[in-house]
Amino acid sequence: MRTALAAGIALAVLASCRTVQTREEFTPVSDADFGRLGPGQLGPVEPARADAAAARDAVARAKLRLQEAKREQGYAEADRTAAEADLQRAATEAKGANSSGDTAWKARAQALADTAALHRQAADAHLAFAKRLAEARQADLDAAEAHEAAAQARLEQAKLQALAAAGIPAAGKYDARRFEAHVAKAVAAERDAQAHAAEAGRAAVAAEDGWRTLQRQWEARAQGRGGAG
């Protein structure tokens, strides 16, 4: 009997918690309620709707940039493969030079090895940059999606404001404070996403600078020595 009573109480508490949680969840203006507005009663809805559409377009562009960034990974891997081939060629050359005892040949083999090693460093830096670039573009996409969510939250708030301004009774079904809180939460998330995107972008720029510096050094050595590359 006591077990059944305890179970009943537990179920009642759980149901109560679920009810409270459900009540706290944000509920946007329904299509039926929004449809009560006439063309001249939209007020702030139109500009908010335009902002939301622009935010969706920005998300689409961010997705394209992410795909382009991922292609850099393929270029970097090809660069790494070429650098590995240079190292193997340099090792073969060094083996022949050491066997011959030819001083001039040894010098050429050493120059080839130095050039190949620099190529490998540049290729490794290229791979590191490709990774940072993909991370930066993903962060940009996350920020764009957060901006879209914030724009959508403001659009929902604008719908409620339009209902209230038009004096439509359905506006009383909604708690304006919930809409304000929903916007504030979305804006805060957008701010965090933008900060992360900025940090990732700086890391990508630094990685690119490091790669291009090594790339120029390798190219200069390869051209000057007539070596790997």
Protein backbone atom coordinates (compact mmCIF):
# COMPACT_ATOMS: atom_id res chain seq x y z
CA MET A 1 0.00 0.00 0.00
CA ARG A 2 2.78 2.38 0.99
CA THR A 3 4.75 1.40 -2.11
CA ALA A 4 1.79 2.17 -4.33
CA LEU A 5 1.23 5.49 -2.57
CA ALA A 6 4.91 6.46 -2.94
CA ALA A 7 4.83 5.54 -6.61
CA GLY A 8 1.71 7.63 -7.08
CA ILE A 9 3.31 10.62 -5.40
CA ALA A 10 6.45 10.24 -7.52
CA LEU A 11 4.39 10.14 -10.69
CA ALA A 12 2.47 13.22 -9.60
CA VAL A 13 5.69 15.13 -8.89
CA LEU A 14 7.15 14.08 -12.25
CA ALA A 15 4.00 15.14 -14.05
CA SER A 16 4.10 18.48 -12.23
CA CYS A 17 7.74 19.03 -13.23
CA ARG A 18 6.96 18.23 -16.82
CA THR A 19 4.04 20.66 -16.76
CA VAL A 20 6.25 23.43 -15.40
CA GLN A 21 8.95 22.65 -17.97
CA THR A 22 6.40 22.71 -20.77
CA ARG A 23 5.04 26.03 -19.58
CA GLU A 24 8.54 27.50 -19.55
CA GLU A 25 9.25 26.47 -23.14
CA PHE A 26 9.01 29.24 -25.70
CA THR A 27 5.93 29.12 -27.92
CA PRO A 28 5.93 31.32 -31.04
CA VAL A 29 2.89 33.12 -32.36
CA SER A 30 0.70 30.59 -34.15
CA ASP A 31 -0.04 30.95 -37.84
CA ALA A 32 -3.73 31.18 -37.01
CA ASP A 33 -3.21 34.12 -34.66
CA PHE A 34 -0.79 35.86 -36.99
CA GLY A 35 -3.29 35.42 -39.80
CA ARG A 36 -5.69 37.72 -37.95
CA LEU A 37 -3.53 40.68 -38.93
CA GLY A 38 -4.46 42.68 -41.99
CA PRO A 39 -1.91 43.91 -44.58
CA GLY A 40 -1.76 47.30 -42.94
CA GLN A 41 -1.26 45.93 -39.44
CA LEU A 42 2.07 44.15 -39.87
CA GLY A 43 4.06 47.04 -38.40
CA PRO A 44 7.53 45.77 -37.41
CA VAL A 45 6.99 42.35 -38.97
CA GLU A 46 8.10 43.22 -42.50
CA PRO A 47 11.58 44.54 -41.61
CA ALA A 48 12.06 41.68 -39.15
CA ARG A 49 11.03 39.21 -41.84
CA ALA A 50 13.54 40.79 -44.26
CA ASP A 51 16.28 40.48 -41.64
CA ALA A 52 15.45 36.80 -41.12
CA ALA A 53 15.58 36.16 -44.87
CA ALA A 54 18.95 37.91 -45.12
CA ALA A 55 20.21 35.80 -42.22
CA ARG A 56 19.15 32.61 -44.03
CA ASP A 57 21.04 33.74 -47.12
CA ALA A 58 24.11 34.37 -44.97
CA VAL A 59 23.90 30.81 -43.65
CA ALA A 60 23.81 29.46 -47.20
CA ARG A 61 26.89 31.49 -48.12
CA ALA A 62 28.70 30.31 -44.99
CA LYS A 63 28.00 26.70 -45.96
CA LEU A 64 29.53 27.28 -49.38
CA ARG A 65 32.64 28.83 -47.84
CA LEU A 66 32.97 25.83 -45.55
CA GLN A 67 32.89 23.47 -48.52
CA GLU A 68 35.54 25.56 -50.29
CA ALA A 69 37.71 25.47 -47.18
CA LYS A 70 37.49 21.70 -47.01
CA ARG A 71 38.93 21.51 -50.53
CA GLU A 72 42.08 23.16 -49.20
CA GLN A 73 42.64 19.96 -47.23
CA GLY A 74 42.97 18.04 -50.48
CA TYR A 75 45.47 20.54 -51.85
CA ALA A 76 47.50 20.32 -48.65
CA GLU A 77 47.52 16.52 -48.72
CA ALA A 78 48.75 16.58 -52.33
CA ASP A 79 51.48 18.99 -51.25
CA ARG A 80 52.46 16.62 -48.46
CA THR A 81 52.66 13.70 -50.91
CA ALA A 82 54.96 15.71 -53.18
CA ALA A 83 57.17 16.61 -50.22
CA GLU A 84 57.44 12.96 -49.22
CA ALA A 85 58.53 12.11 -52.77
CA ASP A 86 61.22 14.80 -52.57
CA LEU A 87 62.51 13.34 -49.32
CA GLN A 88 62.71 9.87 -50.83
CA ARG A 89 64.53 11.20 -53.86
CA ALA A 90 66.96 13.07 -51.63
CA ALA A 91 67.62 9.93 -49.59
CA THR A 92 68.36 7.95 -52.74
CA GLU A 93 70.71 10.68 -53.96
CA ALA A 94 72.52 10.78 -50.62
CA LYS A 95 73.02 7.02 -50.67
CA GLY A 96 74.61 7.16 -54.10
CA ALA A 97 76.80 10.12 -53.16
CA ASN A 98 78.07 8.46 -50.00
CA SER A 99 78.87 5.27 -51.88
CA SER A 100 80.85 7.13 -54.52
CA GLY A 101 82.83 9.30 -52.14
CA ASP A 102 82.49 12.17 -54.62
CA THR A 103 82.68 15.41 -52.63
CA ALA A 104 80.78 17.49 -55.18
CA TRP A 105 78.07 14.85 -55.43
CA LYS A 106 77.78 14.78 -51.64
CA ALA A 107 77.34 18.55 -51.60
CA ARG A 108 74.60 18.37 -54.21
CA ALA A 109 72.90 15.56 -52.31
CA GLN A 110 73.01 17.57 -49.08
CA ALA A 111 71.51 20.59 -50.82
CA LEU A 112 68.77 18.38 -52.22
CA ALA A 113 68.09 16.96 -48.75
CA ASP A 114 67.92 20.44 -47.20
CA THR A 115 65.48 21.58 -49.88
CA ALA A 116 63.33 18.48 -49.43
CA ALA A 117 63.25 18.96 -45.66
CA LEU A 118 62.11 22.56 -46.11
CA HIS A 119 59.44 21.39 -48.54
CA ARG A 120 58.22 18.95 -45.90
CA GLN A 121 58.03 21.73 -43.31
CA ALA A 122 56.05 23.89 -45.72
CA ALA A 123 53.72 20.99 -46.52
CA ASP A 124 53.13 20.31 -42.83
CA ALA A 125 52.34 24.00 -42.32
CA HIS A 126 49.95 23.83 -45.28
CA LEU A 127 48.09 20.96 -43.64
CA ALA A 128 47.94 22.87 -40.36
CA PHE A 129 46.54 25.89 -42.18
CA ALA A 130 43.95 23.78 -43.99
CA LYS A 131 42.74 22.46 -40.64
CA ARG A 132 42.56 25.94 -39.11
CA LEU A 133 40.76 27.26 -42.17
CA ALA A 134 38.10 24.55 -41.96
CA GLU A 135 37.67 25.26 -38.25
CA ALA A 136 37.33 28.98 -38.95
CA ARG A 137 34.74 28.44 -41.67
CA GLN A 138 32.78 26.08 -39.40
CA ALA A 139 32.85 28.74 -36.70
CA ASP A 140 31.63 31.28 -39.26
CA LEU A 141 28.76 28.94 -40.13
CA ASP A 142 27.91 28.49 -36.45
CA ALA A 143 27.87 32.28 -36.04
CA ALA A 144 25.68 32.69 -39.12
CA GLU A 145 23.23 30.12 -37.80
CA ALA A 146 23.20 31.84 -34.41
CA HIS A 147 22.48 35.13 -36.17
CA GLU A 148 19.63 33.48 -38.06
CA ALA A 149 18.20 32.16 -34.79
CA ALA A 150 18.39 35.65 -33.27
CA ALA A 151 16.73 37.17 -36.33
CA GLN A 152 13.98 34.56 -36.14
CA ALA A 153 13.48 35.30 -32.44
CA ARG A 154 13.12 39.00 -33.21
CA LEU A 155 10.65 38.15 -35.97
CA GLU A 156 8.48 36.22 -33.52
CA GLN A 157 8.65 39.12 -31.11
CA ALA A 158 7.64 41.50 -33.91
CA LYS A 159 4.61 39.33 -34.67
CA LEU A 160 3.43 39.59 -31.07
CA GLN A 161 4.07 43.32 -31.06
CA ALA A 162 1.98 43.67 -34.21
CA LEU A 163 -0.87 41.69 -32.67
CA ALA A 164 -0.80 43.87 -29.56
CA ALA A 165 -0.58 47.10 -31.55
CA ALA A 166 -3.58 46.06 -33.64
CA GLY A 167 -5.58 45.37 -30.48
CA ILE A 168 -6.22 41.76 -31.43
CA PRO A 169 -7.34 39.78 -28.34
CA ALA A 170 -5.19 36.79 -29.34
CA ALA A 171 -2.16 38.80 -28.21
CA GLY A 172 -3.25 38.20 -24.63
CA LYS A 173 -2.55 34.48 -25.02
CA TYR A 174 1.18 35.16 -25.08
CA ASP A 175 3.61 36.39 -22.43
CA ALA A 176 5.69 39.22 -23.87
CA ARG A 177 8.37 38.53 -21.28
CA ARG A 178 8.90 35.07 -22.73
CA PHE A 179 9.49 36.62 -26.14
CA GLU A 180 11.94 39.12 -24.66
CA ALA A 181 13.80 36.34 -22.87
CA HIS A 182 13.86 34.26 -26.05
CA VAL A 183 15.41 37.15 -27.97
CA ALA A 184 17.93 37.85 -25.21
CA LYS A 185 19.00 34.20 -25.13
CA ALA A 186 19.40 34.07 -28.91
CA VAL A 187 21.36 37.33 -28.98
CA ALA A 188 23.70 36.08 -26.23
CA ALA A 189 24.29 32.84 -28.15
CA GLU A 190 25.01 34.85 -31.28
CA ARG A 191 27.50 37.02 -29.40
CA ASP A 192 29.34 33.93 -28.12
CA ALA A 193 29.38 32.37 -31.59
CA GLN A 194 30.75 35.55 -33.14
CA ALA A 195 33.51 35.73 -30.54
CA HIS A 196 34.49 32.13 -31.26
CA ALA A 197 34.42 32.79 -35.00
CA ALA A 198 36.69 35.81 -34.59
CA GLU A 199 39.16 33.77 -32.54
CA ALA A 200 39.13 30.92 -35.07
CA GLY A 201 39.61 33.41 -37.88
CA ARG A 202 42.70 34.88 -36.23
CA ALA A 203 44.14 31.40 -35.75
CA ALA A 204 43.58 30.63 -39.43
CA VAL A 205 45.29 33.86 -40.51
CA ALA A 206 48.30 33.09 -38.29
CA ALA A 207 48.51 29.55 -39.68
CA GLU A 208 48.33 30.85 -43.24
CA ASP A 209 51.10 33.37 -42.58
CA GLY A 210 53.31 30.60 -41.19
CA TRP A 211 52.64 28.35 -44.17
CA ARG A 212 53.23 31.03 -46.79
CA THR A 213 56.49 32.08 -45.14
CA LEU A 214 57.83 28.52 -45.31
CA GLN A 215 56.43 28.11 -48.81
CA ARG A 216 58.36 31.16 -50.03
CA GLN A 217 61.53 29.94 -48.34
CA TRP A 218 61.22 26.53 -49.95
CA GLU A 219 60.48 27.96 -53.39
CA ALA A 220 63.46 30.31 -53.14
CA ARG A 221 65.77 27.48 -52.12
CA ALA A 222 64.41 25.15 -54.79
CA GLN A 223 64.94 27.74 -57.51
CA GLY A 224 68.34 28.79 -56.22
CA ARG A 225 69.64 25.27 -55.73
CA GLY A 226 67.84 23.66 -58.63
CA GLY A 227 66.70 21.09 -56.10
CA ALA A 228 63.44 19.50 -54.99
CA GLY A 229 60.17 20.87 -56.21
